[in-house]
Amino acid sequence: MSIDLSYPLVASMGHHDPLDGLITYIQLQSTAAGDSGMSKRFNLSSEIADMSSICKGKSWITDDLLGIGELLSAAYKLAQLTILEGWDQADLLDVLLDDSLVGVQSYAVERYPFMLTADKRLAFRELGLTIGLHAIEKLLGLIRQASCDSNMKQRLSARAEHLMQHIPLSNMIETFWLEPANRLVATWREHRDINMVMLATSLAPDGYLTLG
C-alpha cells in the first residue's frame, strides 16, 4: 500500500502475504488482550477469520531462499502465539514446518547457489534463510520448555529436529558474507542497505523473532 494507505502499490497478492497478515492480526489481538482497556474496543476477529479462510488448505512451499527463511520465521512466531498465548493454530504450524522442510532440503542437497562467487549471489536473500534457521533453533527450545499437549509437542519436536539438521547452512552463509572481500562486489554494494540490515539481523535475531 501507499504510505497513507489510500491505494495499492502492487495489484497482486504475494505467495506468503495471507500468512503474514494472519500472524500480524493474531499478534495484535493477543497484545490488545493484555490491556484491559484496549481489549474492550479492539477486535480483529473478522480480519483473523478472513486471513484464516485464505490460508486454509494453501501450500506454502517455495524454492526462493528469502521465502523459505520467512516461512521458518513465521513458523516460530506462530509457535509462540500457539504455545505461549493459547491460539489454536497447531495444524497450520505443522503445515508451515513441513513446507519449510521441502524448501530447505532442496538447497541442502544441491547447495549450488552457495558454490557461486559473491558477484553471482544476492546476500539479502541468503541471509533471509539464515534468519529463518536461527528461528528453528529457538523453536526447538520453546517446544522443549512448553507445557502444551503431549501429542502436539511430539509432532512439533519431530519437525523441528528434522529442520535442525540444516542449521550448518546458516553458519556457512554468514561466514561467507562476513568476509570483507565478498562485500566489495557490485551485487553487495547495489543492495548495501538491506544487505547490512539482514546480516545484522542474522547475527542478532532476537529482536526480530521474539514477539512481545
N, C-alpha and C. Protein backbone atom coordinates (compact mmCIF):
# COMPACT_ATOMS: atom_id res chain seq x y z
N MET A 1 0.84 -1.20 0.00
CA MET A 1 0.00 0.00 0.00
C MET A 1 0.87 1.25 0.00
N SER A 2 0.27 2.36 -0.43
CA SER A 2 0.95 3.64 -0.32
C SER A 2 1.12 3.98 1.16
N ILE A 3 2.00 4.93 1.44
CA ILE A 3 2.29 5.28 2.83
C ILE A 3 1.03 5.72 3.58
N ASP A 4 0.13 6.43 2.89
CA ASP A 4 -1.10 6.87 3.56
C ASP A 4 -2.23 5.84 3.44
N LEU A 5 -1.92 4.65 2.89
CA LEU A 5 -2.86 3.52 2.76
C LEU A 5 -4.06 3.84 1.88
N SER A 6 -3.92 4.83 0.97
CA SER A 6 -5.06 5.23 0.15
C SER A 6 -5.19 4.43 -1.14
N TYR A 7 -4.13 3.75 -1.56
CA TYR A 7 -4.20 2.95 -2.78
C TYR A 7 -3.12 1.87 -2.78
N PRO A 8 -3.34 0.77 -3.49
CA PRO A 8 -2.34 -0.30 -3.52
C PRO A 8 -1.20 0.02 -4.47
N LEU A 9 0.02 -0.25 -4.05
CA LEU A 9 1.18 -0.08 -4.92
C LEU A 9 1.39 -1.31 -5.79
N VAL A 10 0.97 -2.47 -5.27
CA VAL A 10 1.09 -3.72 -6.01
C VAL A 10 -0.29 -4.34 -6.10
N ALA A 11 -0.71 -4.66 -7.31
CA ALA A 11 -2.09 -5.12 -7.50
C ALA A 11 -2.30 -6.57 -7.12
N SER A 12 -1.24 -7.37 -7.15
CA SER A 12 -1.39 -8.81 -6.88
C SER A 12 -0.97 -9.14 -5.45
N MET A 13 -1.36 -10.32 -5.00
CA MET A 13 -1.03 -10.78 -3.65
C MET A 13 0.17 -11.71 -3.71
N GLY A 14 1.14 -11.50 -2.84
CA GLY A 14 2.31 -12.36 -2.77
C GLY A 14 1.96 -13.72 -2.17
N HIS A 15 2.82 -14.69 -2.44
CA HIS A 15 2.58 -16.06 -2.01
C HIS A 15 2.32 -16.16 -0.50
N HIS A 16 3.15 -15.49 0.29
CA HIS A 16 3.06 -15.62 1.75
C HIS A 16 2.33 -14.45 2.41
N ASP A 17 1.77 -13.53 1.62
CA ASP A 17 1.09 -12.37 2.19
C ASP A 17 -0.06 -12.74 3.14
N PRO A 18 -0.92 -13.71 2.79
CA PRO A 18 -2.01 -14.05 3.73
C PRO A 18 -1.48 -14.57 5.06
N LEU A 19 -0.39 -15.31 5.00
CA LEU A 19 0.21 -15.84 6.23
C LEU A 19 0.75 -14.70 7.09
N ASP A 20 1.44 -13.75 6.45
CA ASP A 20 1.94 -12.58 7.18
C ASP A 20 0.78 -11.82 7.82
N GLY A 21 -0.31 -11.67 7.05
CA GLY A 21 -1.47 -10.96 7.57
C GLY A 21 -2.09 -11.66 8.76
N LEU A 22 -2.24 -12.97 8.66
CA LEU A 22 -2.83 -13.74 9.75
C LEU A 22 -2.02 -13.62 11.03
N ILE A 23 -0.71 -13.82 10.92
CA ILE A 23 0.15 -13.77 12.10
C ILE A 23 0.17 -12.37 12.70
N THR A 24 0.19 -11.34 11.85
CA THR A 24 0.18 -9.96 12.34
C THR A 24 -1.12 -9.65 13.08
N TYR A 25 -2.25 -10.06 12.51
CA TYR A 25 -3.54 -9.82 13.17
C TYR A 25 -3.61 -10.53 14.52
N ILE A 26 -3.17 -11.79 14.55
CA ILE A 26 -3.21 -12.55 15.80
C ILE A 26 -2.30 -11.90 16.84
N GLN A 27 -1.12 -11.47 16.41
CA GLN A 27 -0.20 -10.82 17.33
C GLN A 27 -0.80 -9.54 17.91
N LEU A 28 -1.43 -8.74 17.04
CA LEU A 28 -2.06 -7.51 17.51
C LEU A 28 -3.20 -7.79 18.48
N GLN A 29 -4.02 -8.81 18.15
CA GLN A 29 -5.14 -9.16 19.03
C GLN A 29 -4.64 -9.68 20.37
N SER A 30 -3.58 -10.48 20.32
CA SER A 30 -3.01 -11.03 21.55
C SER A 30 -2.42 -9.92 22.43
N THR A 31 -1.78 -8.94 21.80
CA THR A 31 -1.23 -7.81 22.55
C THR A 31 -2.34 -6.99 23.19
N ALA A 32 -3.41 -6.76 22.43
CA ALA A 32 -4.54 -5.99 22.96
C ALA A 32 -5.20 -6.70 24.13
N ALA A 33 -5.22 -8.03 24.08
CA ALA A 33 -5.86 -8.80 25.15
C ALA A 33 -5.16 -8.60 26.49
N GLY A 34 -3.89 -8.22 26.44
CA GLY A 34 -3.15 -7.99 27.68
C GLY A 34 -3.40 -6.63 28.29
N ASP A 35 -4.18 -5.80 27.61
CA ASP A 35 -4.52 -4.46 28.10
C ASP A 35 -6.03 -4.40 28.28
N SER A 36 -6.49 -4.32 29.52
CA SER A 36 -7.93 -4.38 29.80
C SER A 36 -8.71 -3.29 29.09
N GLY A 37 -8.14 -2.09 28.98
CA GLY A 37 -8.83 -1.00 28.32
C GLY A 37 -8.91 -1.21 26.82
N MET A 38 -7.84 -1.67 26.24
CA MET A 38 -7.80 -1.86 24.79
C MET A 38 -8.61 -3.06 24.36
N SER A 39 -8.61 -4.12 25.15
CA SER A 39 -9.28 -5.36 24.75
C SER A 39 -10.78 -5.18 24.54
N LYS A 40 -11.38 -4.20 25.20
CA LYS A 40 -12.82 -3.96 25.08
C LYS A 40 -13.20 -3.29 23.76
N ARG A 41 -12.25 -2.58 23.14
CA ARG A 41 -12.59 -1.84 21.92
C ARG A 41 -11.73 -2.23 20.73
N PHE A 42 -10.95 -3.28 20.88
CA PHE A 42 -10.04 -3.70 19.82
C PHE A 42 -10.35 -5.14 19.46
N ASN A 43 -11.02 -5.34 18.34
CA ASN A 43 -11.45 -6.69 17.96
C ASN A 43 -11.13 -6.95 16.50
N LEU A 44 -10.21 -7.86 16.26
CA LEU A 44 -9.80 -8.22 14.90
C LEU A 44 -10.30 -9.60 14.51
N SER A 45 -11.35 -10.07 15.16
CA SER A 45 -11.82 -11.44 14.91
C SER A 45 -12.25 -11.65 13.45
N SER A 46 -12.89 -10.65 12.85
CA SER A 46 -13.32 -10.82 11.46
C SER A 46 -12.13 -10.82 10.52
N GLU A 47 -11.13 -9.98 10.80
CA GLU A 47 -9.92 -9.96 9.98
C GLU A 47 -9.15 -11.27 10.10
N ILE A 48 -9.08 -11.80 11.31
CA ILE A 48 -8.40 -13.07 11.54
C ILE A 48 -9.13 -14.19 10.80
N ALA A 49 -10.46 -14.15 10.84
CA ALA A 49 -11.26 -15.16 10.13
C ALA A 49 -11.03 -15.07 8.62
N ASP A 50 -10.95 -13.85 8.09
CA ASP A 50 -10.70 -13.66 6.67
C ASP A 50 -9.35 -14.27 6.27
N MET A 51 -8.32 -13.93 7.01
CA MET A 51 -6.99 -14.44 6.69
C MET A 51 -6.91 -15.96 6.86
N SER A 52 -7.58 -16.47 7.88
CA SER A 52 -7.60 -17.92 8.11
C SER A 52 -8.24 -18.64 6.94
N SER A 53 -9.31 -18.04 6.39
CA SER A 53 -10.00 -18.62 5.25
C SER A 53 -9.10 -18.68 4.03
N ILE A 54 -8.34 -17.61 3.79
CA ILE A 54 -7.43 -17.58 2.65
C ILE A 54 -6.29 -18.59 2.83
N CYS A 55 -5.84 -18.73 4.07
CA CYS A 55 -4.70 -19.63 4.34
C CYS A 55 -5.09 -21.11 4.33
N LYS A 56 -6.35 -21.40 4.55
CA LYS A 56 -6.79 -22.79 4.68
C LYS A 56 -6.49 -23.60 3.43
N GLY A 57 -5.81 -24.71 3.60
CA GLY A 57 -5.51 -25.63 2.51
C GLY A 57 -4.44 -25.15 1.56
N LYS A 58 -3.79 -24.05 1.86
CA LYS A 58 -2.80 -23.47 0.95
C LYS A 58 -1.44 -24.13 1.12
N SER A 59 -0.74 -24.33 0.02
CA SER A 59 0.64 -24.80 0.08
C SER A 59 1.58 -23.61 0.16
N TRP A 60 2.54 -23.68 1.07
CA TRP A 60 3.48 -22.58 1.27
C TRP A 60 4.85 -22.90 0.69
N ILE A 61 4.98 -24.01 0.03
CA ILE A 61 6.28 -24.45 -0.49
C ILE A 61 6.83 -23.43 -1.49
N THR A 62 8.10 -23.09 -1.34
CA THR A 62 8.77 -22.17 -2.25
C THR A 62 10.22 -22.60 -2.41
N ASP A 63 10.79 -22.26 -3.58
CA ASP A 63 12.21 -22.55 -3.79
C ASP A 63 13.04 -21.27 -3.70
N ASP A 64 12.43 -20.20 -3.20
CA ASP A 64 13.11 -18.93 -3.03
C ASP A 64 13.75 -18.88 -1.64
N LEU A 65 15.04 -18.59 -1.58
CA LEU A 65 15.75 -18.60 -0.30
C LEU A 65 15.13 -17.66 0.73
N LEU A 66 14.82 -16.44 0.30
CA LEU A 66 14.21 -15.47 1.21
C LEU A 66 12.84 -15.96 1.65
N GLY A 67 12.09 -16.53 0.72
CA GLY A 67 10.76 -17.05 1.05
C GLY A 67 10.82 -18.19 2.05
N ILE A 68 11.79 -19.08 1.90
CA ILE A 68 11.96 -20.19 2.84
C ILE A 68 12.29 -19.64 4.22
N GLY A 69 13.19 -18.68 4.25
CA GLY A 69 13.55 -18.08 5.54
C GLY A 69 12.38 -17.41 6.22
N GLU A 70 11.58 -16.68 5.45
CA GLU A 70 10.40 -16.03 6.01
C GLU A 70 9.39 -17.05 6.52
N LEU A 71 9.30 -18.18 5.83
CA LEU A 71 8.38 -19.24 6.26
C LEU A 71 8.83 -19.82 7.60
N LEU A 72 10.12 -20.02 7.75
CA LEU A 72 10.67 -20.53 9.01
C LEU A 72 10.44 -19.52 10.14
N SER A 73 10.68 -18.24 9.85
CA SER A 73 10.45 -17.20 10.86
C SER A 73 8.98 -17.12 11.24
N ALA A 74 8.11 -17.23 10.24
CA ALA A 74 6.67 -17.20 10.50
C ALA A 74 6.26 -18.38 11.38
N ALA A 75 6.86 -19.53 11.13
CA ALA A 75 6.54 -20.72 11.93
C ALA A 75 6.90 -20.49 13.40
N TYR A 76 8.04 -19.88 13.64
CA TYR A 76 8.44 -19.63 15.03
C TYR A 76 7.52 -18.62 15.70
N LYS A 77 7.15 -17.57 14.98
CA LYS A 77 6.24 -16.57 15.54
C LYS A 77 4.87 -17.19 15.84
N LEU A 78 4.39 -18.03 14.92
CA LEU A 78 3.11 -18.69 15.14
C LEU A 78 3.20 -19.67 16.30
N ALA A 79 4.34 -20.32 16.45
CA ALA A 79 4.54 -21.24 17.58
C ALA A 79 4.46 -20.51 18.91
N GLN A 80 5.03 -19.31 18.97
CA GLN A 80 4.95 -18.52 20.19
C GLN A 80 3.50 -18.19 20.54
N LEU A 81 2.74 -17.81 19.50
CA LEU A 81 1.33 -17.48 19.72
C LEU A 81 0.51 -18.71 20.09
N THR A 82 0.88 -19.86 19.55
CA THR A 82 0.15 -21.10 19.83
C THR A 82 0.50 -21.66 21.20
N ILE A 83 1.79 -21.73 21.48
CA ILE A 83 2.26 -22.37 22.72
C ILE A 83 2.15 -21.45 23.92
N LEU A 84 2.53 -20.19 23.75
CA LEU A 84 2.57 -19.27 24.88
C LEU A 84 1.28 -18.49 25.09
N GLU A 85 0.56 -18.22 23.98
CA GLU A 85 -0.64 -17.39 24.07
C GLU A 85 -1.93 -18.19 23.93
N GLY A 86 -1.82 -19.48 23.57
CA GLY A 86 -3.01 -20.33 23.53
C GLY A 86 -3.86 -20.25 22.28
N TRP A 87 -3.33 -19.67 21.20
CA TRP A 87 -4.10 -19.61 19.95
C TRP A 87 -4.13 -20.99 19.30
N ASP A 88 -5.26 -21.34 18.73
CA ASP A 88 -5.45 -22.66 18.14
C ASP A 88 -4.96 -22.68 16.69
N GLN A 89 -3.64 -22.78 16.54
CA GLN A 89 -3.04 -22.74 15.20
C GLN A 89 -2.06 -23.89 15.00
N ALA A 90 -2.21 -24.97 15.77
CA ALA A 90 -1.27 -26.09 15.71
C ALA A 90 -1.26 -26.75 14.33
N ASP A 91 -2.42 -26.89 13.70
CA ASP A 91 -2.48 -27.54 12.39
C ASP A 91 -1.73 -26.72 11.34
N LEU A 92 -1.93 -25.41 11.35
CA LEU A 92 -1.22 -24.55 10.41
C LEU A 92 0.27 -24.59 10.68
N LEU A 93 0.65 -24.65 11.93
CA LEU A 93 2.06 -24.71 12.30
C LEU A 93 2.71 -25.98 11.74
N ASP A 94 2.01 -27.11 11.81
CA ASP A 94 2.52 -28.35 11.22
C ASP A 94 2.78 -28.17 9.73
N VAL A 95 1.84 -27.54 9.04
CA VAL A 95 1.96 -27.33 7.59
C VAL A 95 3.16 -26.43 7.27
N LEU A 96 3.33 -25.36 8.03
CA LEU A 96 4.44 -24.45 7.79
C LEU A 96 5.79 -25.15 7.93
N LEU A 97 5.91 -25.97 8.96
CA LEU A 97 7.17 -26.67 9.19
C LEU A 97 7.42 -27.71 8.10
N ASP A 98 6.38 -28.43 7.69
CA ASP A 98 6.53 -29.42 6.62
C ASP A 98 6.92 -28.76 5.31
N ASP A 99 6.24 -27.67 4.96
CA ASP A 99 6.53 -26.98 3.70
C ASP A 99 7.91 -26.31 3.73
N SER A 100 8.31 -25.82 4.88
CA SER A 100 9.65 -25.24 5.02
C SER A 100 10.72 -26.28 4.77
N LEU A 101 10.50 -27.47 5.31
CA LEU A 101 11.49 -28.54 5.18
C LEU A 101 11.72 -28.91 3.73
N VAL A 102 10.67 -28.91 2.93
CA VAL A 102 10.80 -29.22 1.50
C VAL A 102 11.77 -28.24 0.85
N GLY A 103 11.60 -26.95 1.14
CA GLY A 103 12.46 -25.93 0.55
C GLY A 103 13.89 -26.02 1.05
N VAL A 104 14.07 -26.19 2.35
CA VAL A 104 15.42 -26.26 2.91
C VAL A 104 16.16 -27.47 2.37
N GLN A 105 15.49 -28.60 2.28
CA GLN A 105 16.15 -29.81 1.79
C GLN A 105 16.62 -29.67 0.35
N SER A 106 15.89 -28.93 -0.45
CA SER A 106 16.27 -28.77 -1.85
C SER A 106 17.62 -28.06 -1.96
N TYR A 107 17.89 -27.11 -1.06
CA TYR A 107 19.17 -26.42 -1.09
C TYR A 107 20.25 -27.19 -0.35
N ALA A 108 19.88 -27.89 0.69
CA ALA A 108 20.86 -28.66 1.44
C ALA A 108 21.46 -29.77 0.58
N VAL A 109 20.64 -30.34 -0.29
CA VAL A 109 21.11 -31.42 -1.16
C VAL A 109 21.93 -30.85 -2.32
N GLU A 110 21.42 -29.78 -2.92
CA GLU A 110 22.05 -29.24 -4.12
C GLU A 110 23.23 -28.31 -3.80
N ARG A 111 22.97 -27.35 -2.91
CA ARG A 111 23.97 -26.36 -2.47
C ARG A 111 24.57 -25.56 -3.63
N TYR A 112 24.02 -25.67 -4.79
CA TYR A 112 24.58 -24.98 -5.95
C TYR A 112 24.70 -23.47 -5.75
N PRO A 113 23.66 -22.80 -5.25
CA PRO A 113 23.78 -21.33 -5.11
C PRO A 113 24.93 -20.92 -4.21
N PHE A 114 25.29 -21.76 -3.23
CA PHE A 114 26.31 -21.40 -2.26
C PHE A 114 27.72 -21.69 -2.76
N MET A 115 27.82 -22.27 -3.94
CA MET A 115 29.13 -22.54 -4.52
C MET A 115 29.54 -21.43 -5.49
N LEU A 116 28.64 -20.51 -5.77
CA LEU A 116 28.93 -19.42 -6.70
C LEU A 116 29.79 -18.35 -6.04
N THR A 117 30.45 -17.54 -6.87
CA THR A 117 31.23 -16.43 -6.35
C THR A 117 30.28 -15.31 -5.89
N ALA A 118 30.80 -14.40 -5.08
CA ALA A 118 29.97 -13.36 -4.45
C ALA A 118 29.22 -12.51 -5.47
N ASP A 119 29.83 -12.25 -6.62
CA ASP A 119 29.19 -11.38 -7.61
C ASP A 119 28.00 -12.03 -8.30
N LYS A 120 27.78 -13.31 -8.05
CA LYS A 120 26.63 -14.02 -8.63
C LYS A 120 25.62 -14.43 -7.56
N ARG A 121 25.73 -13.83 -6.37
CA ARG A 121 24.84 -14.16 -5.27
C ARG A 121 24.18 -12.89 -4.72
N LEU A 122 23.00 -13.07 -4.14
CA LEU A 122 22.29 -11.95 -3.51
C LEU A 122 22.26 -12.19 -2.00
N ALA A 123 23.02 -11.40 -1.29
CA ALA A 123 23.20 -11.62 0.14
C ALA A 123 21.90 -11.57 0.92
N PHE A 124 21.05 -10.58 0.64
CA PHE A 124 19.85 -10.42 1.47
C PHE A 124 18.91 -11.61 1.36
N ARG A 125 18.89 -12.28 0.20
CA ARG A 125 18.03 -13.45 0.05
C ARG A 125 18.61 -14.64 0.84
N GLU A 126 19.92 -14.81 0.78
CA GLU A 126 20.55 -15.89 1.53
C GLU A 126 20.44 -15.66 3.03
N LEU A 127 20.60 -14.41 3.44
CA LEU A 127 20.53 -14.09 4.87
C LEU A 127 19.12 -14.22 5.40
N GLY A 128 18.13 -14.07 4.51
CA GLY A 128 16.76 -14.37 4.92
C GLY A 128 16.63 -15.81 5.38
N LEU A 129 17.31 -16.71 4.67
CA LEU A 129 17.29 -18.13 5.05
C LEU A 129 17.98 -18.33 6.40
N THR A 130 19.12 -17.67 6.62
CA THR A 130 19.83 -17.87 7.88
C THR A 130 19.00 -17.37 9.07
N ILE A 131 18.28 -16.28 8.89
CA ILE A 131 17.41 -15.79 9.97
C ILE A 131 16.36 -16.83 10.29
N GLY A 132 15.78 -17.43 9.25
CA GLY A 132 14.79 -18.49 9.47
C GLY A 132 15.37 -19.70 10.17
N LEU A 133 16.60 -20.06 9.84
CA LEU A 133 17.23 -21.20 10.50
C LEU A 133 17.50 -20.90 11.98
N HIS A 134 17.85 -19.65 12.29
CA HIS A 134 18.00 -19.26 13.70
C HIS A 134 16.66 -19.37 14.43
N ALA A 135 15.58 -19.09 13.71
CA ALA A 135 14.24 -19.22 14.30
C ALA A 135 13.97 -20.67 14.71
N ILE A 136 14.44 -21.62 13.91
CA ILE A 136 14.23 -23.03 14.24
C ILE A 136 15.02 -23.44 15.46
N GLU A 137 16.21 -22.88 15.63
CA GLU A 137 16.97 -23.14 16.85
C GLU A 137 16.16 -22.72 18.08
N LYS A 138 15.53 -21.55 17.97
CA LYS A 138 14.72 -21.04 19.07
C LYS A 138 13.44 -21.85 19.24
N LEU A 139 12.89 -22.32 18.11
CA LEU A 139 11.65 -23.09 18.16
C LEU A 139 11.83 -24.37 18.96
N LEU A 140 12.93 -25.06 18.73
CA LEU A 140 13.15 -26.32 19.44
C LEU A 140 13.24 -26.08 20.95
N GLY A 141 13.91 -25.00 21.35
CA GLY A 141 13.98 -24.67 22.77
C GLY A 141 12.62 -24.33 23.34
N LEU A 142 11.81 -23.62 22.56
CA LEU A 142 10.46 -23.26 23.00
C LEU A 142 9.60 -24.51 23.20
N ILE A 143 9.68 -25.43 22.27
CA ILE A 143 8.89 -26.67 22.35
C ILE A 143 9.30 -27.49 23.57
N ARG A 144 10.58 -27.60 23.81
CA ARG A 144 11.07 -28.43 24.92
C ARG A 144 10.63 -27.88 26.27
N GLN A 145 10.48 -26.56 26.37
CA GLN A 145 10.08 -25.95 27.63
C GLN A 145 8.56 -25.82 27.78
N ALA A 146 7.83 -26.11 26.70
CA ALA A 146 6.39 -25.89 26.71
C ALA A 146 5.65 -26.93 27.53
N SER A 147 4.53 -26.53 28.07
CA SER A 147 3.67 -27.45 28.82
C SER A 147 2.40 -27.74 28.03
N CYS A 148 2.52 -27.75 26.70
CA CYS A 148 1.36 -27.95 25.84
C CYS A 148 1.02 -29.43 25.72
N ASP A 149 -0.03 -29.72 24.96
CA ASP A 149 -0.48 -31.09 24.73
C ASP A 149 0.68 -31.96 24.26
N SER A 150 0.81 -33.16 24.83
CA SER A 150 1.96 -34.02 24.55
C SER A 150 2.02 -34.45 23.09
N ASN A 151 0.87 -34.70 22.48
CA ASN A 151 0.86 -35.09 21.07
C ASN A 151 1.36 -33.96 20.18
N MET A 152 0.89 -32.75 20.46
CA MET A 152 1.35 -31.59 19.70
C MET A 152 2.84 -31.38 19.92
N LYS A 153 3.28 -31.53 21.14
CA LYS A 153 4.69 -31.33 21.46
C LYS A 153 5.56 -32.33 20.71
N GLN A 154 5.11 -33.57 20.63
CA GLN A 154 5.86 -34.61 19.93
C GLN A 154 5.93 -34.32 18.43
N ARG A 155 4.81 -33.90 17.85
CA ARG A 155 4.78 -33.58 16.41
C ARG A 155 5.72 -32.43 16.08
N LEU A 156 5.62 -31.36 16.87
CA LEU A 156 6.44 -30.19 16.61
C LEU A 156 7.92 -30.49 16.81
N SER A 157 8.24 -31.26 17.84
CA SER A 157 9.63 -31.61 18.11
C SER A 157 10.23 -32.38 16.95
N ALA A 158 9.49 -33.35 16.43
CA ALA A 158 9.99 -34.17 15.31
C ALA A 158 10.27 -33.29 14.09
N ARG A 159 9.37 -32.36 13.81
CA ARG A 159 9.56 -31.49 12.65
C ARG A 159 10.74 -30.54 12.86
N ALA A 160 10.84 -29.97 14.04
CA ALA A 160 11.93 -29.05 14.34
C ALA A 160 13.28 -29.75 14.29
N GLU A 161 13.34 -30.98 14.76
CA GLU A 161 14.60 -31.72 14.74
C GLU A 161 15.05 -32.05 13.32
N HIS A 162 14.11 -32.32 12.42
CA HIS A 162 14.47 -32.54 11.02
C HIS A 162 15.07 -31.26 10.43
N LEU A 163 14.47 -30.12 10.75
CA LEU A 163 14.99 -28.86 10.24
C LEU A 163 16.34 -28.50 10.86
N MET A 164 16.56 -28.89 12.11
CA MET A 164 17.81 -28.59 12.80
C MET A 164 19.02 -29.20 12.10
N GLN A 165 18.80 -30.25 11.35
CA GLN A 165 19.90 -30.90 10.63
C GLN A 165 20.54 -29.96 9.61
N HIS A 166 19.82 -28.90 9.25
CA HIS A 166 20.31 -27.99 8.22
C HIS A 166 20.84 -26.67 8.79
N ILE A 167 20.95 -26.59 10.10
CA ILE A 167 21.47 -25.39 10.75
C ILE A 167 22.86 -24.99 10.25
N PRO A 168 23.76 -25.96 9.94
CA PRO A 168 25.09 -25.56 9.45
C PRO A 168 25.06 -24.64 8.24
N LEU A 169 23.97 -24.64 7.47
CA LEU A 169 23.85 -23.72 6.33
C LEU A 169 23.95 -22.27 6.78
N SER A 170 23.38 -21.96 7.94
CA SER A 170 23.38 -20.56 8.39
C SER A 170 24.80 -20.08 8.67
N ASN A 171 25.60 -20.91 9.32
CA ASN A 171 26.98 -20.54 9.61
C ASN A 171 27.78 -20.37 8.32
N MET A 172 27.54 -21.24 7.34
CA MET A 172 28.24 -21.18 6.06
C MET A 172 27.94 -19.86 5.35
N ILE A 173 26.67 -19.46 5.34
CA ILE A 173 26.28 -18.23 4.66
C ILE A 173 26.80 -17.00 5.39
N GLU A 174 26.65 -16.97 6.71
CA GLU A 174 27.12 -15.82 7.48
C GLU A 174 28.63 -15.65 7.35
N THR A 175 29.37 -16.74 7.43
CA THR A 175 30.82 -16.68 7.31
C THR A 175 31.23 -16.11 5.95
N PHE A 176 30.51 -16.50 4.92
CA PHE A 176 30.81 -16.02 3.57
C PHE A 176 30.64 -14.51 3.48
N TRP A 177 29.52 -13.98 4.00
CA TRP A 177 29.24 -12.55 3.85
C TRP A 177 29.94 -11.69 4.90
N LEU A 178 30.50 -12.31 5.92
CA LEU A 178 31.32 -11.57 6.88
C LEU A 178 32.74 -11.34 6.34
N GLU A 179 33.08 -12.06 5.30
CA GLU A 179 34.39 -11.88 4.66
C GLU A 179 34.40 -10.55 3.91
N PRO A 180 35.26 -9.60 4.30
CA PRO A 180 35.24 -8.26 3.68
C PRO A 180 35.32 -8.27 2.16
N ALA A 181 36.10 -9.15 1.59
CA ALA A 181 36.27 -9.19 0.13
C ALA A 181 34.95 -9.48 -0.58
N ASN A 182 34.08 -10.26 0.06
CA ASN A 182 32.80 -10.61 -0.56
C ASN A 182 31.80 -9.46 -0.51
N ARG A 183 32.11 -8.43 0.28
CA ARG A 183 31.21 -7.27 0.37
C ARG A 183 31.69 -6.11 -0.50
N LEU A 184 32.64 -6.39 -1.38
CA LEU A 184 33.14 -5.36 -2.30
C LEU A 184 32.52 -5.46 -3.68
N VAL A 185 31.83 -6.57 -3.94
CA VAL A 185 31.28 -6.80 -5.28
C VAL A 185 30.05 -5.93 -5.51
N ALA A 186 29.70 -5.75 -6.78
CA ALA A 186 28.58 -4.88 -7.14
C ALA A 186 27.25 -5.37 -6.57
N THR A 187 27.05 -6.69 -6.55
CA THR A 187 25.77 -7.21 -6.05
C THR A 187 25.58 -6.93 -4.56
N TRP A 188 26.66 -6.79 -3.81
CA TRP A 188 26.52 -6.37 -2.41
C TRP A 188 26.27 -4.87 -2.34
N ARG A 189 27.08 -4.09 -3.07
CA ARG A 189 27.00 -2.63 -2.98
C ARG A 189 25.67 -2.09 -3.50
N GLU A 190 25.10 -2.73 -4.52
CA GLU A 190 23.82 -2.28 -5.08
C GLU A 190 22.66 -2.44 -4.10
N HIS A 191 22.79 -3.37 -3.17
CA HIS A 191 21.73 -3.63 -2.17
C HIS A 191 22.30 -3.46 -0.75
N ARG A 192 23.25 -2.56 -0.61
CA ARG A 192 24.00 -2.48 0.64
C ARG A 192 23.11 -2.29 1.86
N ASP A 193 22.13 -1.39 1.77
CA ASP A 193 21.30 -1.09 2.95
C ASP A 193 20.58 -2.33 3.46
N ILE A 194 19.87 -3.00 2.56
CA ILE A 194 19.13 -4.18 3.01
C ILE A 194 20.07 -5.32 3.36
N ASN A 195 21.21 -5.42 2.66
CA ASN A 195 22.18 -6.47 3.00
C ASN A 195 22.71 -6.29 4.41
N MET A 196 23.03 -5.05 4.79
CA MET A 196 23.56 -4.79 6.13
C MET A 196 22.52 -5.08 7.19
N VAL A 197 21.28 -4.68 6.93
CA VAL A 197 20.20 -4.94 7.89
C VAL A 197 19.99 -6.45 8.07
N MET A 198 19.98 -7.18 6.97
CA MET A 198 19.76 -8.62 7.03
C MET A 198 20.92 -9.34 7.72
N LEU A 199 22.15 -8.91 7.44
CA LEU A 199 23.30 -9.52 8.10
C LEU A 199 23.27 -9.26 9.60
N ALA A 200 22.96 -8.02 9.98
CA ALA A 200 22.87 -7.69 11.41
C ALA A 200 21.77 -8.49 12.10
N THR A 201 20.63 -8.63 11.42
CA THR A 201 19.52 -9.39 11.99
C THR A 201 19.87 -10.86 12.14
N SER A 202 20.60 -11.40 11.17
CA SER A 202 21.00 -12.80 11.24
C SER A 202 21.96 -13.05 12.40
N LEU A 203 22.84 -12.09 12.65
CA LEU A 203 23.81 -12.24 13.74
C LEU A 203 23.19 -12.00 15.11
N ALA A 204 22.13 -11.19 15.16
CA ALA A 204 21.44 -10.90 16.43
C ALA A 204 19.94 -10.92 16.18
N PRO A 205 19.33 -12.10 16.04
CA PRO A 205 17.94 -12.21 15.56
C PRO A 205 16.83 -12.03 16.61
N ASP A 206 17.19 -11.93 17.88
CA ASP A 206 16.17 -11.94 18.93
C ASP A 206 15.11 -10.85 18.76
N GLY A 207 15.53 -9.64 18.44
CA GLY A 207 14.59 -8.53 18.33
C GLY A 207 13.57 -8.74 17.23
N TYR A 208 13.98 -9.42 16.16
CA TYR A 208 13.05 -9.67 15.05
C TYR A 208 12.16 -10.87 15.30
N LEU A 209 12.68 -11.90 15.92
CA LEU A 209 11.98 -13.17 16.04
C LEU A 209 11.10 -13.28 17.28
N THR A 210 11.43 -12.57 18.33
CA THR A 210 10.70 -12.74 19.59
C THR A 210 9.54 -11.76 19.67
N LEU A 211 8.35 -12.29 19.86
CA LEU A 211 7.16 -11.45 19.99
C LEU A 211 7.07 -10.85 21.38
N GLY A 212 6.33 -9.76 21.48
CA GLY A 212 6.11 -9.16 22.79
C GLY A 212 7.04 -8.01 23.08
